[in-house]
Amino acid sequence: MDEDVAVKALAALAQSSRLKVFRAIVGAGPEGVQPGQLSAALDIPANTLSFHLKELHHAALVSVQREGRFLRYRADLSAMQSLMDFLTAHCCQGVPCGDMLNLACEPARC
């Protein structure tokens, strides 16, 4: 991931409501979620939610699929993992720490 892509993704997540939307989409799992479901669950008006979804999609953090009249949003977990890899590329004094889910740097090295 290059720096410009990382900045765009971080900027998209640097807003409280948008971060909540992204976390809800991640929480929906691989089946994704429709905007109406997000709006009801998060109590965000449809027009506001649409703006946040557009920003997340523009930052390549979510994908969108049309299903007839409806849209379904899914988190792009590979993009999120790439962002995490970019952010942690120099952790542990440049020694790869492995999978972020199992991050375990030695205290003296971090």
C-alpha atoms as a PDB file:
ATOM      1  CA  MET A   1       0.000   0.000   0.000  1.00  0.00           C
ATOM      2  CA  ASP A   2       1.380   3.397  -0.848  1.00  0.00           C
ATOM      3  CA  GLU A   3       1.155   6.398   1.434  1.00  0.00           C
ATOM      4  CA  ASP A   4      -1.561   8.198  -0.565  1.00  0.00           C
ATOM      5  CA  VAL A   5      -3.890   5.187  -0.355  1.00  0.00           C
ATOM      6  CA  ALA A   6      -3.209   4.861   3.375  1.00  0.00           C
ATOM      7  CA  VAL A   7      -3.957   8.545   3.965  1.00  0.00           C
ATOM      8  CA  LYS A   8      -7.227   8.262   2.047  1.00  0.00           C
ATOM      9  CA  ALA A   9      -8.284   5.227   4.098  1.00  0.00           C
ATOM     10  CA  LEU A  10      -7.302   6.821   7.397  1.00  0.00           C
ATOM     11  CA  ALA A  11      -9.104  10.035   6.474  1.00  0.00           C
ATOM     12  CA  ALA A  12     -12.245   8.055   5.709  1.00  0.00           C
ATOM     13  CA  LEU A  13     -12.098   6.410   9.129  1.00  0.00           C
ATOM     14  CA  ALA A  14     -11.239   9.633  10.979  1.00  0.00           C
ATOM     15  CA  GLN A  15     -14.859  10.601  11.554  1.00  0.00           C
ATOM     16  CA  SER A  16     -16.922   9.159  14.380  1.00  0.00           C
ATOM     17  CA  SER A  17     -20.091   8.239  12.460  1.00  0.00           C
ATOM     18  CA  ARG A  18     -18.145   6.846   9.523  1.00  0.00           C
ATOM     19  CA  LEU A  19     -16.033   4.715  11.846  1.00  0.00           C
ATOM     20  CA  LYS A  20     -19.248   3.341  13.405  1.00  0.00           C
ATOM     21  CA  VAL A  21     -20.610   2.571   9.931  1.00  0.00           C
ATOM     22  CA  PHE A  22     -17.404   0.783   8.936  1.00  0.00           C
ATOM     23  CA  ARG A  23     -17.337  -1.244  12.153  1.00  0.00           C
ATOM     24  CA  ALA A  24     -20.975  -2.234  11.613  1.00  0.00           C
ATOM     25  CA  ILE A  25     -20.187  -3.371   8.069  1.00  0.00           C
ATOM     26  CA  VAL A  26     -17.213  -5.385   9.337  1.00  0.00           C
ATOM     27  CA  GLY A  27     -19.472  -6.872  11.991  1.00  0.00           C
ATOM     28  CA  ALA A  28     -21.988  -7.963   9.350  1.00  0.00           C
ATOM     29  CA  GLY A  29     -19.414 -10.425   8.050  1.00  0.00           C
ATOM     30  CA  PRO A  30     -19.107 -11.738   4.509  1.00  0.00           C
ATOM     31  CA  GLU A  31     -22.830 -11.468   3.775  1.00  0.00           C
ATOM     32  CA  GLY A  32     -22.616  -7.695   4.137  1.00  0.00           C
ATOM     33  CA  VAL A  33     -25.417  -5.323   4.995  1.00  0.00           C
ATOM     34  CA  GLN A  34     -27.923  -3.106   3.220  1.00  0.00           C
ATOM     35  CA  PRO A  35     -28.040   0.645   3.914  1.00  0.00           C
ATOM     36  CA  GLY A  36     -31.532   0.444   5.400  1.00  0.00           C
ATOM     37  CA  GLN A  37     -30.301  -2.030   7.972  1.00  0.00           C
ATOM     38  CA  LEU A  38     -27.353   0.210   8.831  1.00  0.00           C
ATOM     39  CA  SER A  39     -29.550   3.282   9.078  1.00  0.00           C
ATOM     40  CA  ALA A  40     -31.918   1.562  11.509  1.00  0.00           C
ATOM     41  CA  ALA A  41     -29.172  -0.064  13.586  1.00  0.00           C
ATOM     42  CA  LEU A  42     -27.053   3.074  13.908  1.00  0.00           C
ATOM     43  CA  ASP A  43     -29.875   5.640  13.911  1.00  0.00           C
ATOM     44  CA  ILE A  44     -28.267   7.568  11.058  1.00  0.00           C
ATOM     45  CA  PRO A  45     -30.527   9.320   8.517  1.00  0.00           C
ATOM     46  CA  ALA A  46     -30.425   7.761   5.038  1.00  0.00           C
ATOM     47  CA  ASN A  47     -28.929  10.816   3.309  1.00  0.00           C
ATOM     48  CA  THR A  48     -26.161  11.114   5.918  1.00  0.00           C
ATOM     49  CA  LEU A  49     -25.481   7.385   5.732  1.00  0.00           C
ATOM     50  CA  SER A  50     -25.261   7.575   1.948  1.00  0.00           C
ATOM     51  CA  PHE A  51     -22.513  10.193   2.249  1.00  0.00           C
ATOM     52  CA  HIS A  52     -20.545   8.059   4.727  1.00  0.00           C
ATOM     53  CA  LEU A  53     -20.899   4.936   2.564  1.00  0.00           C
ATOM     54  CA  LYS A  54     -19.690   6.873  -0.479  1.00  0.00           C
ATOM     55  CA  GLU A  55     -16.602   8.019   1.424  1.00  0.00           C
ATOM     56  CA  LEU A  56     -15.811   4.491   2.626  1.00  0.00           C
ATOM     57  CA  HIS A  57     -16.278   3.126  -0.889  1.00  0.00           C
ATOM     58  CA  HIS A  58     -14.123   5.888  -2.380  1.00  0.00           C
ATOM     59  CA  ALA A  59     -11.381   4.967   0.111  1.00  0.00           C
ATOM     60  CA  ALA A  60     -11.673   1.321  -1.047  1.00  0.00           C
ATOM     61  CA  LEU A  61     -12.572   0.120   2.448  1.00  0.00           C
ATOM     62  CA  VAL A  62     -15.936  -1.297   1.404  1.00  0.00           C
ATOM     63  CA  SER A  63     -17.333  -2.841  -1.739  1.00  0.00           C
ATOM     64  CA  VAL A  64     -20.869  -2.389  -2.964  1.00  0.00           C
ATOM     65  CA  GLN A  65     -23.020  -4.825  -4.908  1.00  0.00           C
ATOM     66  CA  ARG A  66     -26.356  -4.079  -6.516  1.00  0.00           C
ATOM     67  CA  GLU A  67     -29.116  -6.593  -5.779  1.00  0.00           C
ATOM     68  CA  GLY A  68     -32.097  -5.465  -7.826  1.00  0.00           C
ATOM     69  CA  ARG A  69     -33.224  -2.184  -6.269  1.00  0.00           C
ATOM     70  CA  PHE A  70     -31.007  -2.630  -3.230  1.00  0.00           C
ATOM     71  CA  LEU A  71     -27.322  -2.229  -2.486  1.00  0.00           C
ATOM     72  CA  ARG A  72     -25.252  -4.461  -0.248  1.00  0.00           C
ATOM     73  CA  TYR A  73     -22.046  -3.224   1.365  1.00  0.00           C
ATOM     74  CA  ARG A  74     -19.226  -5.487   2.456  1.00  0.00           C
ATOM     75  CA  ALA A  75     -15.991  -4.626   4.226  1.00  0.00           C
ATOM     76  CA  ASP A  76     -12.890  -5.110   2.122  1.00  0.00           C
ATOM     77  CA  LEU A  77     -10.873  -6.921   4.750  1.00  0.00           C
ATOM     78  CA  SER A  78      -7.871  -7.288   2.457  1.00  0.00           C
ATOM     79  CA  ALA A  79      -7.736  -3.483   2.128  1.00  0.00           C
ATOM     80  CA  MET A  80      -7.993  -3.160   5.897  1.00  0.00           C
ATOM     81  CA  GLN A  81      -5.220  -5.742   6.358  1.00  0.00           C
ATOM     82  CA  SER A  82      -3.073  -3.827   3.855  1.00  0.00           C
ATOM     83  CA  LEU A  83      -3.638  -0.673   5.883  1.00  0.00           C
ATOM     84  CA  MET A  84      -2.664  -2.474   9.084  1.00  0.00           C
ATOM     85  CA  ASP A  85       0.423  -3.879   7.361  1.00  0.00           C
ATOM     86  CA  PHE A  86       1.367  -0.383   6.191  1.00  0.00           C
ATOM     87  CA  LEU A  87       0.921   1.053   9.684  1.00  0.00           C
ATOM     88  CA  THR A  88       2.934  -1.687  11.355  1.00  0.00           C
ATOM     89  CA  ALA A  89       5.638  -2.133   8.726  1.00  0.00           C
ATOM     90  CA  HIS A  90       8.261  -0.735  11.096  1.00  0.00           C
ATOM     91  CA  CYS A  91       7.063  -2.226  14.372  1.00  0.00           C
ATOM     92  CA  CYS A  92       9.451  -4.309  16.417  1.00  0.00           C
ATOM     93  CA  GLN A  93      12.410  -2.419  14.937  1.00  0.00           C
ATOM     94  CA  GLY A  94      11.572  -3.525  11.403  1.00  0.00           C
ATOM     95  CA  VAL A  95      11.313  -7.236  12.188  1.00  0.00           C
ATOM     96  CA  PRO A  96       8.021  -8.664  10.911  1.00  0.00           C
ATOM     97  CA  CYS A  97       5.661  -9.286  13.804  1.00  0.00           C
ATOM     98  CA  GLY A  98       3.501 -11.759  11.916  1.00  0.00           C
ATOM     99  CA  ASP A  99      -0.248 -11.796  11.731  1.00  0.00           C
ATOM    100  CA  MET A 100      -1.796  -8.706  13.342  1.00  0.00           C
ATOM    101  CA  LEU A 101      -4.370 -10.892  15.063  1.00  0.00           C
ATOM    102  CA  ASN A 102      -1.496 -12.570  16.888  1.00  0.00           C
ATOM    103  CA  LEU A 103       0.767  -9.533  17.282  1.00  0.00           C
ATOM    104  CA  ALA A 104       3.264 -10.328  19.991  1.00  0.00           C
ATOM    105  CA  CYS A 105       6.356  -8.151  19.956  1.00  0.00           C
ATOM    106  CA  GLU A 106       8.832  -8.636  22.754  1.00  0.00           C
ATOM    107  CA  PRO A 107       8.427  -5.727  25.219  1.00  0.00           C
ATOM    108  CA  ALA A 108      12.113  -4.737  24.966  1.00  0.00           C
ATOM    109  CA  ARG A 109      11.850  -4.416  21.168  1.00  0.00           C
ATOM    110  CA  CYS A 110       8.666  -2.300  20.855  1.00  0.00           C
END
